C-alpha cells in the first residue's frame, strides 16, 4: 500500500513525459525528467494544501 502522501506513478509519468517533450525530447535524461516531475507535483500539492483553510475543508460555523 502506497504512503498516503505518495504521488501516483501515472501522474509522475505523465508530467515527466510532458517535460521531456517540451525540452525537445533529449536522449538520456529520463531520471532527471522523472525527478523534476515529481518535485513539481509535490510543490503543487504543498501549495494547494497551504491554500486550504485549517480544518480540512470544514467551513467555520456561521454566527
PDB file of N, CA and C in Angstrom:
ATOM      1  N   UNK A   1       0.854  -1.188   0.000  1.00  0.00           N
ATOM      2  CA  UNK A   1       0.000   0.000   0.000  1.00  0.00           C
ATOM      3  C   UNK A   1       0.897   1.248   0.000  1.00  0.00           C
ATOM      4  N   UNK A   2       0.659   2.201  -0.943  1.00  0.00           N
ATOM      5  CA  UNK A   2       1.492   3.404  -1.002  1.00  0.00           C
ATOM      6  C   UNK A   2       1.239   4.322   0.192  1.00  0.00           C
ATOM      7  N   UNK A   3       2.240   5.149   0.461  1.00  0.00           N
ATOM      8  CA  UNK A   3       2.107   6.124   1.547  1.00  0.00           C
ATOM      9  C   UNK A   3       0.962   7.079   1.223  1.00  0.00           C
ATOM     10  N   UNK A   4       0.272   7.609   2.239  1.00  0.00           N
ATOM     11  CA  UNK A   4      -0.875   8.484   1.988  1.00  0.00           C
ATOM     12  C   UNK A   4      -0.517   9.752   1.203  1.00  0.00           C
ATOM     13  N   UNK A   5       0.716  10.224   1.326  1.00  0.00           N
ATOM     14  CA  UNK A   5       1.106  11.437   0.609  1.00  0.00           C
ATOM     15  C   UNK A   5       1.823  11.138  -0.702  1.00  0.00           C
ATOM     16  N   UNK A   6       1.855   9.861  -1.102  1.00  0.00           N
ATOM     17  CA  UNK A   6       2.550   9.467  -2.326  1.00  0.00           C
ATOM     18  C   UNK A   6       1.811   9.999  -3.553  1.00  0.00           C
ATOM     19  N   UNK A   7       2.578  10.447  -4.523  1.00  0.00           N
ATOM     20  CA  UNK A   7       2.005  10.902  -5.785  1.00  0.00           C
ATOM     21  C   UNK A   7       1.900   9.678  -6.688  1.00  0.00           C
ATOM     22  N   UNK A   8       0.758   9.484  -7.326  1.00  0.00           N
ATOM     23  CA  UNK A   8       0.577   8.300  -8.167  1.00  0.00           C
ATOM     24  C   UNK A   8       1.610   8.212  -9.291  1.00  0.00           C
ATOM     25  N   UNK A   9       2.086   7.009  -9.527  1.00  0.00           N
ATOM     26  CA  UNK A   9       3.073   6.722 -10.558  1.00  0.00           C
ATOM     27  C   UNK A   9       2.651   7.301 -11.908  1.00  0.00           C
ATOM     28  N   UNK A  10       1.400   7.086 -12.272  1.00  0.00           N
ATOM     29  CA  UNK A  10       0.896   7.530 -13.571  1.00  0.00           C
ATOM     30  C   UNK A  10       0.959   9.053 -13.699  1.00  0.00           C
ATOM     31  N   UNK A  11       0.676   9.757 -12.636  1.00  0.00           N
ATOM     32  CA  UNK A  11       0.719  11.220 -12.659  1.00  0.00           C
ATOM     33  C   UNK A  11       2.157  11.713 -12.869  1.00  0.00           C
ATOM     34  N   UNK A  12       3.110  11.083 -12.213  1.00  0.00           N
ATOM     35  CA  UNK A  12       4.518  11.452 -12.387  1.00  0.00           C
ATOM     36  C   UNK A  12       4.956  11.132 -13.812  1.00  0.00           C
ATOM     37  N   UNK A  13       4.567   9.964 -14.304  1.00  0.00           N
ATOM     38  CA  UNK A  13       4.938   9.561 -15.654  1.00  0.00           C
ATOM     39  C   UNK A  13       4.426  10.552 -16.689  1.00  0.00           C
ATOM     40  N   UNK A  14       3.174  10.965 -16.553  1.00  0.00           N
ATOM     41  CA  UNK A  14       2.593  11.914 -17.497  1.00  0.00           C
ATOM     42  C   UNK A  14       3.325  13.262 -17.454  1.00  0.00           C
ATOM     43  N   UNK A  15       3.630  13.748 -16.255  1.00  0.00           N
ATOM     44  CA  UNK A  15       4.325  15.033 -16.140  1.00  0.00           C
ATOM     45  C   UNK A  15       5.739  14.926 -16.692  1.00  0.00           C
ATOM     46  N   UNK A  16       6.430  13.837 -16.411  1.00  0.00           N
ATOM     47  CA  UNK A  16       7.789  13.651 -16.919  1.00  0.00           C
ATOM     48  C   UNK A  16       7.781  13.629 -18.449  1.00  0.00           C
ATOM     49  N   UNK A  17       6.792  12.990 -19.034  1.00  0.00           N
ATOM     50  CA  UNK A  17       6.689  12.936 -20.491  1.00  0.00           C
ATOM     51  C   UNK A  17       6.444  14.330 -21.056  1.00  0.00           C
ATOM     52  N   UNK A  18       5.564  15.099 -20.424  1.00  0.00           N
ATOM     53  CA  UNK A  18       5.302  16.471 -20.865  1.00  0.00           C
ATOM     54  C   UNK A  18       6.583  17.310 -20.822  1.00  0.00           C
ATOM     55  N   UNK A  19       7.328  17.186 -19.736  1.00  0.00           N
ATOM     56  CA  UNK A  19       8.577  17.936 -19.597  1.00  0.00           C
ATOM     57  C   UNK A  19       9.582  17.518 -20.670  1.00  0.00           C
ATOM     58  N   UNK A  20       9.673  16.226 -20.910  1.00  0.00           N
ATOM     59  CA  UNK A  20      10.592  15.699 -21.917  1.00  0.00           C
ATOM     60  C   UNK A  20      10.242  16.246 -23.294  1.00  0.00           C
ATOM     61  N   UNK A  21       8.949  16.242 -23.634  1.00  0.00           N
ATOM     62  CA  UNK A  21       8.517  16.762 -24.928  1.00  0.00           C
ATOM     63  C   UNK A  21       8.788  18.258 -25.047  1.00  0.00           C
ATOM     64  N   UNK A  22       8.493  19.018 -23.985  1.00  0.00           N
ATOM     65  CA  UNK A  22       8.721  20.468 -24.007  1.00  0.00           C
ATOM     66  C   UNK A  22      10.191  20.815 -24.205  1.00  0.00           C
ATOM     67  N   UNK A  23      11.054  19.909 -23.799  1.00  0.00           N
ATOM     68  CA  UNK A  23      12.501  20.131 -23.911  1.00  0.00           C
ATOM     69  C   UNK A  23      13.090  19.437 -25.135  1.00  0.00           C
ATOM     70  N   UNK A  24      12.259  19.220 -26.160  1.00  0.00           N
ATOM     71  CA  UNK A  24      12.692  18.696 -27.452  1.00  0.00           C
ATOM     72  C   UNK A  24      13.206  17.258 -27.405  1.00  0.00           C
ATOM     73  N   UNK A  25      12.677  16.461 -26.466  1.00  0.00           N
ATOM     74  CA  UNK A  25      12.927  15.020 -26.394  1.00  0.00           C
ATOM     75  C   UNK A  25      14.409  14.625 -26.358  1.00  0.00           C
ATOM     76  N   UNK A  26      15.167  15.156 -25.426  1.00  0.00           N
ATOM     77  CA  UNK A  26      16.585  14.785 -25.372  1.00  0.00           C
ATOM     78  C   UNK A  26      16.770  13.331 -24.924  1.00  0.00           C
ATOM     79  N   UNK A  27      17.776  12.687 -25.443  1.00  0.00           N
ATOM     80  CA  UNK A  27      18.100  11.302 -25.087  1.00  0.00           C
ATOM     81  C   UNK A  27      18.875  11.265 -23.765  1.00  0.00           C
ATOM     82  N   UNK A  28      18.620  10.263 -22.940  1.00  0.00           N
ATOM     83  CA  UNK A  28      19.428  10.004 -21.753  1.00  0.00           C
ATOM     84  C   UNK A  28      19.116  10.827 -20.521  1.00  0.00           C
ATOM     85  N   UNK A  29      17.958  11.492 -20.472  1.00  0.00           N
ATOM     86  CA  UNK A  29      17.623  12.330 -19.317  1.00  0.00           C
ATOM     87  C   UNK A  29      16.362  11.852 -18.601  1.00  0.00           C
ATOM     88  N   UNK A  30      16.076  10.564 -18.725  1.00  0.00           N
ATOM     89  CA  UNK A  30      14.847  10.028 -18.151  1.00  0.00           C
ATOM     90  C   UNK A  30      14.745  10.283 -16.659  1.00  0.00           C
ATOM     91  N   UNK A  31      15.802  10.008 -15.941  1.00  0.00           N
ATOM     92  CA  UNK A  31      15.781  10.158 -14.478  1.00  0.00           C
ATOM     93  C   UNK A  31      15.610  11.618 -14.095  1.00  0.00           C
ATOM     94  N   UNK A  32      16.314  12.502 -14.792  1.00  0.00           N
ATOM     95  CA  UNK A  32      16.214  13.927 -14.483  1.00  0.00           C
ATOM     96  C   UNK A  32      14.787  14.437 -14.672  1.00  0.00           C
ATOM     97  N   UNK A  33      14.144  14.039 -15.775  1.00  0.00           N
ATOM     98  CA  UNK A  33      12.770  14.482 -16.006  1.00  0.00           C
ATOM     99  C   UNK A  33      11.804  13.858 -15.013  1.00  0.00           C
ATOM    100  N   UNK A  34      12.051  12.607 -14.642  1.00  0.00           N
ATOM    101  CA  UNK A  34      11.207  11.945 -13.646  1.00  0.00           C
ATOM    102  C   UNK A  34      11.288  12.703 -12.311  1.00  0.00           C
ATOM    103  N   UNK A  35      12.504  12.994 -11.885  1.00  0.00           N
ATOM    104  CA  UNK A  35      12.686  13.683 -10.603  1.00  0.00           C
ATOM    105  C   UNK A  35      12.127  15.101 -10.642  1.00  0.00           C
ATOM    106  N   UNK A  36      12.292  15.782 -11.758  1.00  0.00           N
ATOM    107  CA  UNK A  36      11.744  17.125 -11.901  1.00  0.00           C
ATOM    108  C   UNK A  36      10.219  17.081 -11.846  1.00  0.00           C
ATOM    109  N   UNK A  37       9.625  16.119 -12.512  1.00  0.00           N
ATOM    110  CA  UNK A  37       8.168  15.969 -12.497  1.00  0.00           C
ATOM    111  C   UNK A  37       7.673  15.711 -11.079  1.00  0.00           C
ATOM    112  N   UNK A  38       8.346  14.824 -10.377  1.00  0.00           N
ATOM    113  CA  UNK A  38       7.941  14.506  -9.003  1.00  0.00           C
ATOM    114  C   UNK A  38       8.061  15.736  -8.115  1.00  0.00           C
ATOM    115  N   UNK A  39       9.147  16.491  -8.276  1.00  0.00           N
ATOM    116  CA  UNK A  39       9.362  17.701  -7.479  1.00  0.00           C
ATOM    117  C   UNK A  39       8.264  18.735  -7.759  1.00  0.00           C
ATOM    118  N   UNK A  40       7.943  18.934  -9.029  1.00  0.00           N
ATOM    119  CA  UNK A  40       6.894  19.889  -9.387  1.00  0.00           C
ATOM    120  C   UNK A  40       5.554  19.487  -8.788  1.00  0.00           C
ATOM    121  N   UNK A  41       5.213  18.220  -8.897  1.00  0.00           N
ATOM    122  CA  UNK A  41       3.929  17.755  -8.372  1.00  0.00           C
ATOM    123  C   UNK A  41       3.858  17.889  -6.856  1.00  0.00           C
ATOM    124  N   UNK A  42       4.956  17.614  -6.168  1.00  0.00           N
ATOM    125  CA  UNK A  42       4.978  17.775  -4.710  1.00  0.00           C
ATOM    126  C   UNK A  42       4.801  19.246  -4.323  1.00  0.00           C
ATOM    127  N   UNK A  43       5.454  20.153  -5.061  1.00  0.00           N
ATOM    128  CA  UNK A  43       5.307  21.581  -4.777  1.00  0.00           C
ATOM    129  C   UNK A  43       3.880  22.046  -5.019  1.00  0.00           C
ATOM    130  N   UNK A  44       3.282  21.569  -6.106  1.00  0.00           N
ATOM    131  CA  UNK A  44       1.892  21.924  -6.398  1.00  0.00           C
ATOM    132  C   UNK A  44       0.962  21.434  -5.292  1.00  0.00           C
ATOM    133  N   UNK A  45       1.200  20.210  -4.834  1.00  0.00           N
ATOM    134  CA  UNK A  45       0.367  19.660  -3.757  1.00  0.00           C
ATOM    135  C   UNK A  45       0.548  20.461  -2.475  1.00  0.00           C
ATOM    136  N   UNK A  46       1.790  20.806  -2.146  1.00  0.00           N
ATOM    137  CA  UNK A  46       2.059  21.581  -0.929  1.00  0.00           C
ATOM    138  C   UNK A  46       1.399  22.949  -1.017  1.00  0.00           C
ATOM    139  N   UNK A  47       1.455  23.570  -2.187  1.00  0.00           N
ATOM    140  CA  UNK A  47       0.834  24.884  -2.374  1.00  0.00           C
ATOM    141  C   UNK A  47      -0.685  24.788  -2.199  1.00  0.00           C
ATOM    142  N   UNK A  48      -1.283  23.744  -2.783  1.00  0.00           N
ATOM    143  CA  UNK A  48      -2.738  23.540  -2.631  1.00  0.00           C
ATOM    144  C   UNK A  48      -3.093  23.334  -1.165  1.00  0.00           C
ATOM    145  N   UNK A  49      -2.305  22.511  -0.465  1.00  0.00           N
ATOM    146  CA  UNK A  49      -2.588  22.246   0.947  1.00  0.00           C
ATOM    147  C   UNK A  49      -2.432  23.497   1.792  1.00  0.00           C
ATOM    148  N   UNK A  50      -1.469  24.348   1.461  1.00  0.00           N
ATOM    149  CA  UNK A  50      -1.251  25.582   2.208  1.00  0.00           C
ATOM    150  C   UNK A  50      -2.387  26.567   1.962  1.00  0.00           C
ATOM    151  N   UNK A  51      -3.000  26.515   0.778  1.00  0.00           N
ATOM    152  CA  UNK A  51      -4.092  27.426   0.440  1.00  0.00           C
ATOM    153  C   UNK A  51      -5.412  27.017   1.074  1.00  0.00           C
ATOM    154  N   UNK A  52      -5.537  25.745   1.449  1.00  0.00           N
ATOM    155  CA  UNK A  52      -6.772  25.273   2.066  1.00  0.00           C
ATOM    156  C   UNK A  52      -6.893  25.826   3.479  1.00  0.00           C
ATOM    157  N   UNK A  53      -8.101  26.196   3.881  1.00  0.00           N
ATOM    158  CA  UNK A  53      -8.264  26.687   5.254  1.00  0.00           C
ATOM    159  C   UNK A  53      -8.017  25.573   6.264  1.00  0.00           C
ATOM    160  N   UNK A  54      -7.606  25.947   7.438  1.00  0.00           N
ATOM    161  CA  UNK A  54      -7.372  24.975   8.512  1.00  0.00           C
ATOM    162  C   UNK A  54      -8.669  24.234   8.793  1.00  0.00           C
ATOM    163  N   UNK A  55      -8.552  22.959   9.118  1.00  0.00           N
ATOM    164  CA  UNK A  55      -9.740  22.167   9.457  1.00  0.00           C
ATOM    165  C   UNK A  55     -10.161  21.240   8.343  1.00  0.00           C
ATOM    166  N   UNK A  56      -9.295  21.012   7.393  1.00  0.00           N
ATOM    167  CA  UNK A  56      -9.538  20.038   6.324  1.00  0.00           C
ATOM    168  C   UNK A  56     -10.777  20.356   5.501  1.00  0.00           C
ATOM    169  N   UNK A  57     -10.959  21.622   5.167  1.00  0.00           N
ATOM    170  CA  UNK A  57     -12.059  21.979   4.299  1.00  0.00           C
ATOM    171  C   UNK A  57     -13.385  22.151   4.996  1.00  0.00           C
ATOM    172  N   UNK A  58     -13.404  22.062   6.312  1.00  0.00           N
ATOM    173  CA  UNK A  58     -14.639  22.247   7.059  1.00  0.00           C
ATOM    174  C   UNK A  58     -14.844  23.746   7.266  1.00  0.00           C
ATOM    175  N   UNK A  59     -15.998  24.230   6.852  1.00  0.00           N
ATOM    176  CA  UNK A  59     -16.267  25.659   6.998  1.00  0.00           C
ATOM    177  C   UNK A  59     -16.588  25.970   8.457  1.00  0.00           C
ATOM    178  N   UNK A  60     -16.160  27.153   8.922  1.00  0.00           N
ATOM    179  CA  UNK A  60     -16.484  27.535  10.303  1.00  0.00           C
ATOM    180  C   UNK A  60     -17.984  27.781  10.423  1.00  0.00           C
ATOM    181  N   UNK A  61     -18.532  27.546  11.606  1.00  0.00           N
ATOM    182  CA  UNK A  61     -19.981  27.769  11.797  1.00  0.00           C
ATOM    183  C   UNK A  61     -20.318  29.243  11.623  1.00  0.00           C
ATOM    184  N   UNK A  62     -21.481  29.507  11.031  1.00  0.00           N
ATOM    185  CA  UNK A  62     -21.911  30.896  10.848  1.00  0.00           C
ATOM    186  C   UNK A  62     -22.529  31.413  12.141  1.00  0.00           C
ATOM    187  N   UNK A  63     -22.436  32.714  12.320  1.00  0.00           N
ATOM    188  CA  UNK A  63     -22.952  33.318  13.572  1.00  0.00           C
ATOM    189  C   UNK A  63     -24.354  33.797  13.427  1.00  0.00           C
TER     190      UNK A  63
END
